Protein backbone atom coordinates (compact mmCIF):
# COMPACT_ATOMS: atom_id res chain seq x y z
CA MET A 1 102.49 94.30 117.32
CA ALA A 2 105.36 96.38 116.15
CA LEU A 3 105.23 99.07 113.49
CA ALA A 4 106.77 98.11 110.05
CA SER A 5 107.47 100.62 107.01
CA THR A 6 107.73 99.69 103.50
CA GLN A 7 108.30 101.67 100.24
CA VAL A 8 105.42 101.32 97.80
CA THR A 9 105.10 102.18 94.18
CA SER A 10 101.93 102.78 91.99
CA ASN A 11 102.61 99.80 89.89
CA ALA A 12 101.09 97.47 92.67
CA TYR A 13 99.10 97.50 95.72
CA VAL A 14 100.99 95.82 98.79
CA LEU A 15 99.25 94.20 101.56
CA ILE A 16 99.86 95.95 104.79
CA GLY A 17 97.15 94.53 106.80
CA ASN A 18 96.51 90.62 106.45
CA ASN A 19 93.19 89.52 107.85
CA VAL A 20 92.81 92.38 110.47
CA THR A 21 90.13 93.94 112.14
CA THR A 22 91.93 97.05 113.08
CA ILE A 23 94.62 99.05 111.37
CA THR A 24 97.12 101.77 112.21
CA PHE A 25 99.06 103.39 109.24
CA GLN A 26 100.64 106.56 108.10
CA CYS A 27 101.92 108.04 104.95
CA GLN A 28 105.61 109.26 105.61
CA SER A 29 106.42 110.79 102.34
CA ASN A 30 105.71 113.51 100.19
CA ASN A 31 103.93 111.54 97.67
CA PRO A 32 100.47 110.38 98.80
CA ILE A 33 99.44 106.83 99.23
CA VAL A 34 96.27 104.91 98.24
CA VAL A 35 94.79 102.65 100.55
CA ALA A 36 92.31 99.91 99.46
CA ILE A 37 90.47 97.49 101.53
CA THR A 38 89.17 94.17 100.36
CA THR A 39 87.56 90.79 101.66
CA THR A 40 90.17 88.53 100.04
CA SER A 41 93.95 88.31 100.36
CA VAL A 42 94.38 87.81 96.73
CA GLY A 43 95.82 90.84 94.82
CA ILE A 44 93.93 93.60 93.58
CA ALA A 45 94.34 95.62 90.48
CA THR A 46 96.48 98.81 90.43
CA THR A 47 93.19 100.86 89.18
CA ALA A 48 91.07 99.62 92.19
CA PRO A 49 89.72 102.64 93.83
CA GLY A 50 90.78 103.43 97.47
CA LEU A 51 91.34 106.28 100.00
CA ILE A 52 94.13 108.93 99.56
CA TYR A 53 96.36 109.75 102.54
CA LYS A 54 98.88 112.68 102.26
CA PHE A 55 101.76 113.34 104.47
CA PRO A 56 101.58 113.01 107.51
CA GLU A 57 97.73 111.82 107.40
CA GLY A 58 96.46 108.22 108.39
CA GLU A 59 94.35 106.21 110.69
CA LEU A 60 94.96 105.18 114.26
CA LYS A 61 93.54 101.89 115.48
CA LYS A 62 90.72 102.15 113.21
CA THR A 63 88.33 99.34 112.75
CA VAL A 64 88.74 98.22 108.84
CA ALA A 65 85.02 97.87 108.47
CA SER A 66 84.68 101.63 109.48
CA ILE A 67 87.12 102.55 106.45
CA SER A 68 85.47 100.19 103.95
CA HIS A 69 82.24 99.62 102.09
CA ASP A 70 82.66 95.87 102.22
CA ALA A 71 80.94 94.41 105.59
CA GLY A 72 83.53 91.52 105.65
CA ALA A 73 86.78 93.32 104.65
CA THR A 74 89.75 92.42 106.60
CA TYR A 75 92.79 92.85 104.06
CA VAL A 76 94.34 96.46 103.79
CA TRP A 77 96.50 97.48 100.88
CA ALA A 78 98.48 100.47 100.02
CA LYS A 79 100.30 102.00 96.92
CA ALA A 80 101.72 105.10 95.86
CA LEU A 81 99.15 107.46 94.15
CA THR A 82 101.47 108.52 91.23
CA GLY A 83 104.68 107.10 89.60
CA PHE A 84 106.99 108.02 92.49
CA THR A 85 107.55 105.82 95.71
CA ALA A 86 105.88 106.64 98.65
CA LYS A 87 106.39 105.23 102.42
CA VAL A 88 103.91 103.88 104.36
CA VAL A 89 104.35 103.00 108.36
CA TYR A 90 101.86 100.52 109.38
CA GLU A 91 100.55 98.23 112.41
CA GLY A 92 97.61 95.81 112.14
CA ALA A 93 96.20 94.16 114.97
């Protein structure tokens, strides 16, 4: 699978891992990103908690289960931490 990138805002989470068991992603902007993981592909509230990643932090081929507290989680979401945009590069597998 190829790498993709997207600009995210703090207004809404963007799906970066659609029904995946492993994920690779990296924050590529000065504005941190928030990553949340769910068991459903239905959008999540912008107030949902998540993990914060700063430039150039991320995860490399991590199992989604290892970075989530939900046993059946397979959907990975990203948004900007603050009102600015942030860039996230990602690859799901």
